Amino acid sequence: QTYDQLVAVSALGKVAVATWVKSMRAINAMHIGGW
């Protein structure tokens, strides 16, 4: 998923999704699989 897809799925704002992604990446729960 991209940021925009996660925003659509969760109905959260971009800032909230970006904060969540940052926290998940900090604990190595997700990674960038492509661009």
PDB file of all heavy atoms in Angstrom:
ATOM      1  N   GLN A   1       0.835  -1.207   0.000  1.00  0.00           N
ATOM      2  CA  GLN A   1       0.000   0.000   0.000  1.00  0.00           C
ATOM      3  C   GLN A   1       0.869   1.255   0.000  1.00  0.00           C
ATOM      4  O   GLN A   1       1.952   1.270   0.577  1.00  0.00           O
ATOM      5  CB  GLN A   1      -0.878   0.036   1.253  1.00  0.00           C
ATOM      6  CG  GLN A   1      -1.764  -1.163   1.470  1.00  0.00           C
ATOM      7  CD  GLN A   1      -2.997  -1.135   0.610  1.00  0.00           C
ATOM      8  OE1 GLN A   1      -3.594  -0.094   0.394  1.00  0.00           O
ATOM      9  NE2 GLN A   1      -3.376  -2.299   0.101  1.00  0.00           N
ATOM     10  N   THR A   2       0.361   2.332  -0.596  1.00  0.00           N
ATOM     11  CA  THR A   2       0.996   3.644  -0.521  1.00  0.00           C
ATOM     12  C   THR A   2       0.337   4.433   0.615  1.00  0.00           C
ATOM     13  O   THR A   2      -0.655   3.992   1.190  1.00  0.00           O
ATOM     14  CB  THR A   2       0.817   4.426  -1.841  1.00  0.00           C
ATOM     15  OG1 THR A   2      -0.572   4.671  -2.042  1.00  0.00           O
ATOM     16  CG2 THR A   2       1.414   3.681  -3.017  1.00  0.00           C
ATOM     17  N   TYR A   3       0.883   5.617   0.900  1.00  0.00           N
ATOM     18  CA  TYR A   3       0.260   6.474   1.919  1.00  0.00           C
ATOM     19  C   TYR A   3      -1.198   6.762   1.562  1.00  0.00           C
ATOM     20  O   TYR A   3      -2.077   6.668   2.420  1.00  0.00           O
ATOM     21  CB  TYR A   3       1.000   7.815   2.032  1.00  0.00           C
ATOM     22  CG  TYR A   3       2.259   7.775   2.855  1.00  0.00           C
ATOM     23  CD1 TYR A   3       3.490   8.034   2.273  1.00  0.00           C
ATOM     24  CD2 TYR A   3       2.221   7.538   4.224  1.00  0.00           C
ATOM     25  CE1 TYR A   3       4.650   8.025   3.018  1.00  0.00           C
ATOM     26  CE2 TYR A   3       3.373   7.522   4.984  1.00  0.00           C
ATOM     27  CZ  TYR A   3       4.588   7.775   4.375  1.00  0.00           C
ATOM     28  OH  TYR A   3       5.724   7.764   5.121  1.00  0.00           O
ATOM     29  N   ASP A   4      -1.454   7.148   0.320  1.00  0.00           N
ATOM     30  CA  ASP A   4      -2.815   7.506  -0.082  1.00  0.00           C
ATOM     31  C   ASP A   4      -3.780   6.322   0.045  1.00  0.00           C
ATOM     32  O   ASP A   4      -4.937   6.498   0.431  1.00  0.00           O
ATOM     33  CB  ASP A   4      -2.824   8.036  -1.516  1.00  0.00           C
ATOM     34  CG  ASP A   4      -2.155   9.400  -1.632  1.00  0.00           C
ATOM     35  OD1 ASP A   4      -2.085  10.117  -0.606  1.00  0.00           O
ATOM     36  OD2 ASP A   4      -1.710   9.756  -2.735  1.00  0.00           O
ATOM     37  N   GLN A   5      -3.327   5.143  -0.263  1.00  0.00           N
ATOM     38  CA  GLN A   5      -4.177   3.959  -0.118  1.00  0.00           C
ATOM     39  C   GLN A   5      -4.487   3.693   1.353  1.00  0.00           C
ATOM     40  O   GLN A   5      -5.604   3.324   1.706  1.00  0.00           O
ATOM     41  CB  GLN A   5      -3.520   2.746  -0.764  1.00  0.00           C
ATOM     42  CG  GLN A   5      -3.457   2.838  -2.274  1.00  0.00           C
ATOM     43  CD  GLN A   5      -2.562   1.788  -2.891  1.00  0.00           C
ATOM     44  OE1 GLN A   5      -1.580   1.350  -2.286  1.00  0.00           O
ATOM     45  NE2 GLN A   5      -2.896   1.372  -4.103  1.00  0.00           N
ATOM     46  N   LEU A   6      -3.492   3.884   2.227  1.00  0.00           N
ATOM     47  CA  LEU A   6      -3.714   3.692   3.660  1.00  0.00           C
ATOM     48  C   LEU A   6      -4.676   4.749   4.213  1.00  0.00           C
ATOM     49  O   LEU A   6      -5.493   4.452   5.089  1.00  0.00           O
ATOM     50  CB  LEU A   6      -2.389   3.715   4.422  1.00  0.00           C
ATOM     51  CG  LEU A   6      -1.477   2.522   4.195  1.00  0.00           C
ATOM     52  CD1 LEU A   6      -0.117   2.748   4.860  1.00  0.00           C
ATOM     53  CD2 LEU A   6      -2.118   1.244   4.714  1.00  0.00           C
ATOM     54  N   VAL A   7      -4.589   5.968   3.695  1.00  0.00           N
ATOM     55  CA  VAL A   7      -5.522   7.020   4.101  1.00  0.00           C
ATOM     56  C   VAL A   7      -6.942   6.619   3.718  1.00  0.00           C
ATOM     57  O   VAL A   7      -7.881   6.758   4.514  1.00  0.00           O
ATOM     58  CB  VAL A   7      -5.131   8.376   3.466  1.00  0.00           C
ATOM     59  CG1 VAL A   7      -6.248   9.391   3.599  1.00  0.00           C
ATOM     60  CG2 VAL A   7      -3.855   8.907   4.098  1.00  0.00           C
ATOM     61  N   ALA A   8      -7.117   6.099   2.512  1.00  0.00           N
ATOM     62  CA  ALA A   8      -8.452   5.696   2.049  1.00  0.00           C
ATOM     63  C   ALA A   8      -8.997   4.530   2.868  1.00  0.00           C
ATOM     64  O   ALA A   8     -10.177   4.500   3.206  1.00  0.00           O
ATOM     65  CB  ALA A   8      -8.397   5.316   0.576  1.00  0.00           C
ATOM     66  N   VAL A   9      -8.142   3.575   3.208  1.00  0.00           N
ATOM     67  CA  VAL A   9      -8.579   2.397   3.969  1.00  0.00           C
ATOM     68  C   VAL A   9      -8.977   2.772   5.394  1.00  0.00           C
ATOM     69  O   VAL A   9      -9.978   2.306   5.917  1.00  0.00           O
ATOM     70  CB  VAL A   9      -7.455   1.332   4.000  1.00  0.00           C
ATOM     71  CG1 VAL A   9      -7.720   0.272   5.043  1.00  0.00           C
ATOM     72  CG2 VAL A   9      -7.306   0.693   2.632  1.00  0.00           C
ATOM     73  N   SER A  10      -8.184   3.635   6.007  1.00  0.00           N
ATOM     74  CA  SER A  10      -8.376   3.933   7.428  1.00  0.00           C
ATOM     75  C   SER A  10      -9.303   5.104   7.713  1.00  0.00           C
ATOM     76  O   SER A  10      -9.793   5.245   8.830  1.00  0.00           O
ATOM     77  CB  SER A  10      -7.026   4.216   8.082  1.00  0.00           C
ATOM     78  OG  SER A  10      -6.482   5.417   7.555  1.00  0.00           O
ATOM     79  N   ALA A  11      -9.519   5.969   6.725  1.00  0.00           N
ATOM     80  CA  ALA A  11     -10.303   7.199   6.904  1.00  0.00           C
ATOM     81  C   ALA A  11      -9.646   8.146   7.902  1.00  0.00           C
ATOM     82  O   ALA A  11     -10.311   8.958   8.537  1.00  0.00           O
ATOM     83  CB  ALA A  11     -11.740   6.894   7.312  1.00  0.00           C
ATOM     84  N   LEU A  12      -8.332   8.049   8.036  1.00  0.00           N
ATOM     85  CA  LEU A  12      -7.564   8.979   8.851  1.00  0.00           C
ATOM     86  C   LEU A  12      -6.935  10.023   7.940  1.00  0.00           C
ATOM     87  O   LEU A  12      -6.896   9.858   6.723  1.00  0.00           O
ATOM     88  CB  LEU A  12      -6.447   8.239   9.603  1.00  0.00           C
ATOM     89  CG  LEU A  12      -6.871   7.251  10.677  1.00  0.00           C
ATOM     90  CD1 LEU A  12      -5.670   6.459  11.171  1.00  0.00           C
ATOM     91  CD2 LEU A  12      -7.520   7.985  11.835  1.00  0.00           C
ATOM     92  N   GLY A  13      -6.385  11.074   8.523  1.00  0.00           N
ATOM     93  CA  GLY A  13      -5.678  12.084   7.750  1.00  0.00           C
ATOM     94  C   GLY A  13      -4.278  11.616   7.379  1.00  0.00           C
ATOM     95  O   GLY A  13      -3.755  10.650   7.937  1.00  0.00           O
ATOM     96  N   LYS A  14      -3.672  12.315   6.428  1.00  0.00           N
ATOM     97  CA  LYS A  14      -2.334  11.933   5.967  1.00  0.00           C
ATOM     98  C   LYS A  14      -1.293  12.024   7.085  1.00  0.00           C
ATOM     99  O   LYS A  14      -0.406  11.192   7.174  1.00  0.00           O
ATOM    100  CB  LYS A  14      -1.903  12.798   4.787  1.00  0.00           C
ATOM    101  CG  LYS A  14      -2.594  12.436   3.501  1.00  0.00           C
ATOM    102  CD  LYS A  14      -2.016  13.200   2.335  1.00  0.00           C
ATOM    103  CE  LYS A  14      -2.697  12.768   1.047  1.00  0.00           C
ATOM    104  NZ  LYS A  14      -2.087  13.416  -0.122  1.00  0.00           N
ATOM    105  N   VAL A  15      -1.423  13.035   7.927  1.00  0.00           N
ATOM    106  CA  VAL A  15      -0.460  13.194   9.021  1.00  0.00           C
ATOM    107  C   VAL A  15      -0.570  12.039  10.007  1.00  0.00           C
ATOM    108  O   VAL A  15       0.441  11.496  10.457  1.00  0.00           O
ATOM    109  CB  VAL A  15      -0.661  14.553   9.730  1.00  0.00           C
ATOM    110  CG1 VAL A  15       0.219  14.664  10.954  1.00  0.00           C
ATOM    111  CG2 VAL A  15      -0.385  15.697   8.765  1.00  0.00           C
ATOM    112  N   ALA A  16      -1.786  11.633  10.326  1.00  0.00           N
ATOM    113  CA  ALA A  16      -1.984  10.517  11.257  1.00  0.00           C
ATOM    114  C   ALA A  16      -1.436   9.216  10.672  1.00  0.00           C
ATOM    115  O   ALA A  16      -0.775   8.438  11.368  1.00  0.00           O
ATOM    116  CB  ALA A  16      -3.467  10.359  11.594  1.00  0.00           C
ATOM    117  N   VAL A  17      -1.676   8.989   9.389  1.00  0.00           N
ATOM    118  CA  VAL A  17      -1.158   7.778   8.738  1.00  0.00           C
ATOM    119  C   VAL A  17       0.366   7.824   8.685  1.00  0.00           C
ATOM    120  O   VAL A  17       1.032   6.824   8.957  1.00  0.00           O
ATOM    121  CB  VAL A  17      -1.765   7.596   7.329  1.00  0.00           C
ATOM    122  CG1 VAL A  17      -1.059   6.496   6.554  1.00  0.00           C
ATOM    123  CG2 VAL A  17      -3.248   7.292   7.439  1.00  0.00           C
ATOM    124  N   ALA A  18       0.933   8.968   8.357  1.00  0.00           N
ATOM    125  CA  ALA A  18       2.392   9.097   8.306  1.00  0.00           C
ATOM    126  C   ALA A  18       3.015   8.838   9.671  1.00  0.00           C
ATOM    127  O   ALA A  18       4.058   8.181   9.773  1.00  0.00           O
ATOM    128  CB  ALA A  18       2.783  10.482   7.801  1.00  0.00           C
ATOM    129  N   THR A  19       2.382   9.315  10.733  1.00  0.00           N
ATOM    130  CA  THR A  19       2.875   9.068  12.092  1.00  0.00           C
ATOM    131  C   THR A  19       2.804   7.584  12.422  1.00  0.00           C
ATOM    132  O   THR A  19       3.740   7.021  13.004  1.00  0.00           O
ATOM    133  CB  THR A  19       2.053   9.881  13.107  1.00  0.00           C
ATOM    134  OG1 THR A  19       2.153  11.263  12.765  1.00  0.00           O
ATOM    135  CG2 THR A  19       2.553   9.659  14.523  1.00  0.00           C
ATOM    136  N   TRP A  20       1.713   6.937  12.040  1.00  0.00           N
ATOM    137  CA  TRP A  20       1.561   5.497  12.286  1.00  0.00           C
ATOM    138  C   TRP A  20       2.600   4.700  11.508  1.00  0.00           C
ATOM    139  O   TRP A  20       3.215   3.791  12.064  1.00  0.00           O
ATOM    140  CB  TRP A  20       0.147   5.055  11.910  1.00  0.00           C
ATOM    141  CG  TRP A  20      -0.101   3.613  12.154  1.00  0.00           C
ATOM    142  CD1 TRP A  20      -0.405   3.021  13.349  1.00  0.00           C
ATOM    143  CD2 TRP A  20      -0.035   2.551  11.193  1.00  0.00           C
ATOM    144  NE1 TRP A  20      -0.540   1.665  13.185  1.00  0.00           N
ATOM    145  CE2 TRP A  20      -0.323   1.355  11.872  1.00  0.00           C
ATOM    146  CE3 TRP A  20       0.226   2.499   9.840  1.00  0.00           C
ATOM    147  CZ2 TRP A  20      -0.345   0.120  11.223  1.00  0.00           C
ATOM    148  CZ3 TRP A  20       0.207   1.281   9.188  1.00  0.00           C
ATOM    149  CH2 TRP A  20      -0.076   0.109   9.886  1.00  0.00           C
ATOM    150  N   VAL A  21       2.808   5.058  10.249  1.00  0.00           N
ATOM    151  CA  VAL A  21       3.811   4.368   9.424  1.00  0.00           C
ATOM    152  C   VAL A  21       5.191   4.522  10.050  1.00  0.00           C
ATOM    153  O   VAL A  21       5.957   3.555  10.149  1.00  0.00           O
ATOM    154  CB  VAL A  21       3.790   4.896   7.969  1.00  0.00           C
ATOM    155  CG1 VAL A  21       5.019   4.436   7.202  1.00  0.00           C
ATOM    156  CG2 VAL A  21       2.526   4.447   7.261  1.00  0.00           C
ATOM    157  N   LYS A  22       5.512   5.718  10.491  1.00  0.00           N
ATOM    158  CA  LYS A  22       6.816   5.966  11.117  1.00  0.00           C
ATOM    159  C   LYS A  22       6.992   5.096  12.364  1.00  0.00           C
ATOM    160  O   LYS A  22       8.058   4.517  12.573  1.00  0.00           O
ATOM    161  CB  LYS A  22       6.949   7.445  11.473  1.00  0.00           C
ATOM    162  CG  LYS A  22       8.294   7.815  12.016  1.00  0.00           C
ATOM    163  CD  LYS A  22       8.370   9.312  12.272  1.00  0.00           C
ATOM    164  CE  LYS A  22       9.729   9.695  12.831  1.00  0.00           C
ATOM    165  NZ  LYS A  22       9.835  11.138  13.077  1.00  0.00           N
ATOM    166  N   SER A  23       5.961   4.972  13.175  1.00  0.00           N
ATOM    167  CA  SER A  23       6.068   4.164  14.391  1.00  0.00           C
ATOM    168  C   SER A  23       6.181   2.671  14.054  1.00  0.00           C
ATOM    169  O   SER A  23       6.926   1.943  14.703  1.00  0.00           O
ATOM    170  CB  SER A  23       4.895   4.427  15.333  1.00  0.00           C
ATOM    171  OG  SER A  23       3.686   4.006  14.756  1.00  0.00           O
ATOM    172  N   MET A  24       5.467   2.215  13.045  1.00  0.00           N
ATOM    173  CA  MET A  24       5.556   0.804  12.635  1.00  0.00           C
ATOM    174  C   MET A  24       6.927   0.484  12.035  1.00  0.00           C
ATOM    175  O   MET A  24       7.489  -0.580  12.270  1.00  0.00           O
ATOM    176  CB  MET A  24       4.457   0.452  11.625  1.00  0.00           C
ATOM    177  CG  MET A  24       3.047   0.467  12.177  1.00  0.00           C
ATOM    178  SD  MET A  24       2.779  -0.799  13.449  1.00  0.00           S
ATOM    179  CE  MET A  24       2.804   0.200  14.922  1.00  0.00           C
ATOM    180  N   ARG A  25       7.470   1.423  11.282  1.00  0.00           N
ATOM    181  CA  ARG A  25       8.797   1.215  10.704  1.00  0.00           C
ATOM    182  C   ARG A  25       9.877   1.229  11.792  1.00  0.00           C
ATOM    183  O   ARG A  25      10.887   0.539  11.673  1.00  0.00           O
ATOM    184  CB  ARG A  25       9.081   2.268   9.643  1.00  0.00           C
ATOM    185  CG  ARG A  25       8.150   2.061   8.438  1.00  0.00           C
ATOM    186  CD  ARG A  25       8.548   2.845   7.245  1.00  0.00           C
ATOM    187  NE  ARG A  25       9.831   2.345   6.774  1.00  0.00           N
ATOM    188  CZ  ARG A  25      10.743   3.087   6.197  1.00  0.00           C
ATOM    189  NH1 ARG A  25      10.544   4.364   6.020  1.00  0.00           N
ATOM    190  NH2 ARG A  25      11.873   2.570   5.792  1.00  0.00           N
ATOM    191  N   ALA A  26       9.652   1.999  12.850  1.00  0.00           N
ATOM    192  CA  ALA A  26      10.621   2.071  13.945  1.00  0.00           C
ATOM    193  C   ALA A  26      10.762   0.735  14.664  1.00  0.00           C
ATOM    194  O   ALA A  26      11.841   0.398  15.150  1.00  0.00           O
ATOM    195  CB  ALA A  26      10.232   3.167  14.934  1.00  0.00           C
ATOM    196  N   ILE A  27       9.674  -0.042  14.713  1.00  0.00           N
ATOM    197  CA  ILE A  27       9.741  -1.348  15.374  1.00  0.00           C
ATOM    198  C   ILE A  27       9.922  -2.488  14.358  1.00  0.00           C
ATOM    199  O   ILE A  27       9.751  -3.649  14.676  1.00  0.00           O
ATOM    200  CB  ILE A  27       8.503  -1.599  16.259  1.00  0.00           C
ATOM    201  CG1 ILE A  27       7.218  -1.596  15.430  1.00  0.00           C
ATOM    202  CG2 ILE A  27       8.436  -0.591  17.400  1.00  0.00           C
ATOM    203  CD1 ILE A  27       5.998  -2.065  16.202  1.00  0.00           C
ATOM    204  N   ASN A  28      10.240  -2.111  13.110  1.00  0.00           N
ATOM    205  CA  ASN A  28      10.520  -3.066  12.029  1.00  0.00           C
ATOM    206  C   ASN A  28       9.315  -3.948  11.714  1.00  0.00           C
ATOM    207  O   ASN A  28       9.458  -5.125  11.403  1.00  0.00           O
ATOM    208  CB  ASN A  28      11.760  -3.903  12.349  1.00  0.00           C
ATOM    209  CG  ASN A  28      12.407  -4.460  11.104  1.00  0.00           C
ATOM    210  OD1 ASN A  28      12.233  -3.921  10.009  1.00  0.00           O
ATOM    211  ND2 ASN A  28      13.132  -5.543  11.255  1.00  0.00           N
ATOM    212  N   ALA A  29       8.120  -3.369  11.769  1.00  0.00           N
ATOM    213  CA  ALA A  29       6.904  -4.114  11.449  1.00  0.00           C
ATOM    214  C   ALA A  29       6.535  -3.986   9.975  1.00  0.00           C
ATOM    215  O   ALA A  29       5.733  -4.749   9.471  1.00  0.00           O
ATOM    216  CB  ALA A  29       5.745  -3.623  12.300  1.00  0.00           C
ATOM    217  N   MET A  30       7.106  -2.987   9.296  1.00  0.00           N
ATOM    218  CA  MET A  30       6.844  -2.813   7.876  1.00  0.00           C
ATOM    219  C   MET A  30       8.057  -2.179   7.210  1.00  0.00           C
ATOM    220  O   MET A  30       8.925  -1.636   7.884  1.00  0.00           O
ATOM    221  CB  MET A  30       5.589  -1.967   7.642  1.00  0.00           C
ATOM    222  CG  MET A  30       5.640  -0.583   8.219  1.00  0.00           C
ATOM    223  SD  MET A  30       4.059   0.286   8.218  1.00  0.00           S
ATOM    224  CE  MET A  30       3.681   0.419   6.518  1.00  0.00           C
ATOM    225  N   HIS A  31       8.118  -2.293   5.891  1.00  0.00           N
ATOM    226  CA  HIS A  31       9.254  -1.768   5.145  1.00  0.00           C
ATOM    227  C   HIS A  31       8.805  -1.269   3.777  1.00  0.00           C
ATOM    228  O   HIS A  31       7.688  -1.526   3.352  1.00  0.00           O
ATOM    229  CB  HIS A  31      10.339  -2.842   4.999  1.00  0.00           C
ATOM    230  CG  HIS A  31       9.888  -4.026   4.202  1.00  0.00           C
ATOM    231  ND1 HIS A  31       9.089  -5.026   4.733  1.00  0.00           N
ATOM    232  CD2 HIS A  31      10.082  -4.362   2.906  1.00  0.00           C
ATOM    233  CE1 HIS A  31       8.841  -5.922   3.804  1.00  0.00           C
ATOM    234  NE2 HIS A  31       9.426  -5.546   2.675  1.00  0.00           N
ATOM    235  N   ILE A  32       9.703  -0.558   3.103  1.00  0.00           N
ATOM    236  CA  ILE A  32       9.410  -0.078   1.755  1.00  0.00           C
ATOM    237  C   ILE A  32       9.753  -1.201   0.791  1.00  0.00           C
ATOM    238  O   ILE A  32      10.902  -1.615   0.680  1.00  0.00           O
ATOM    239  CB  ILE A  32      10.216   1.192   1.422  1.00  0.00           C
ATOM    240  CG1 ILE A  32       9.824   2.319   2.373  1.00  0.00           C
ATOM    241  CG2 ILE A  32       9.999   1.592  -0.039  1.00  0.00           C
ATOM    242  CD1 ILE A  32      10.670   3.575   2.229  1.00  0.00           C
ATOM    243  N   GLY A  33       8.739  -1.692   0.095  1.00  0.00           N
ATOM    244  CA  GLY A  33       8.926  -2.807  -0.825  1.00  0.00           C
ATOM    245  C   GLY A  33       9.110  -2.374  -2.263  1.00  0.00           C
ATOM    246  O   GLY A  33       9.441  -3.184  -3.121  1.00  0.00           O
ATOM    247  N   GLY A  34       8.892  -1.101  -2.535  1.00  0.00           N
ATOM    248  CA  GLY A  34       9.048  -0.598  -3.893  1.00  0.00           C
ATOM    249  C   GLY A  34       8.715   0.875  -3.949  1.00  0.00           C
ATOM    250  O   GLY A  34       8.405   1.494  -2.934  1.00  0.00           O
ATOM    251  N   TRP A  35       8.793   1.421  -5.156  1.00  0.00           N
ATOM    252  CA  TRP A  35       8.518   2.838  -5.358  1.00  0.00           C
ATOM    253  C   TRP A  35       7.577   3.004  -6.538  1.00  0.00           C
ATOM    254  O   TRP A  35       7.785   2.427  -7.600  1.00  0.00           O
ATOM    255  CB  TRP A  35       9.818   3.602  -5.621  1.00  0.00           C
ATOM    256  CG  TRP A  35      10.724   3.590  -4.442  1.00  0.00           C
ATOM    257  CD1 TRP A  35      11.680   2.660  -4.137  1.00  0.00           C
ATOM    258  CD2 TRP A  35      10.732   4.520  -3.368  1.00  0.00           C
ATOM    259  NE1 TRP A  35      12.281   2.971  -2.947  1.00  0.00           N
ATOM    260  CE2 TRP A  35      11.730   4.115  -2.452  1.00  0.00           C
ATOM    261  CE3 TRP A  35      10.004   5.669  -3.092  1.00  0.00           C
ATOM    262  CZ2 TRP A  35      11.997   4.814  -1.291  1.00  0.00           C
ATOM    263  CZ3 TRP A  35      10.287   6.365  -1.925  1.00  0.00           C
ATOM    264  CH2 TRP A  35      11.279   5.925  -1.036  1.00  0.00           C
TER     265      TRP A  35
END
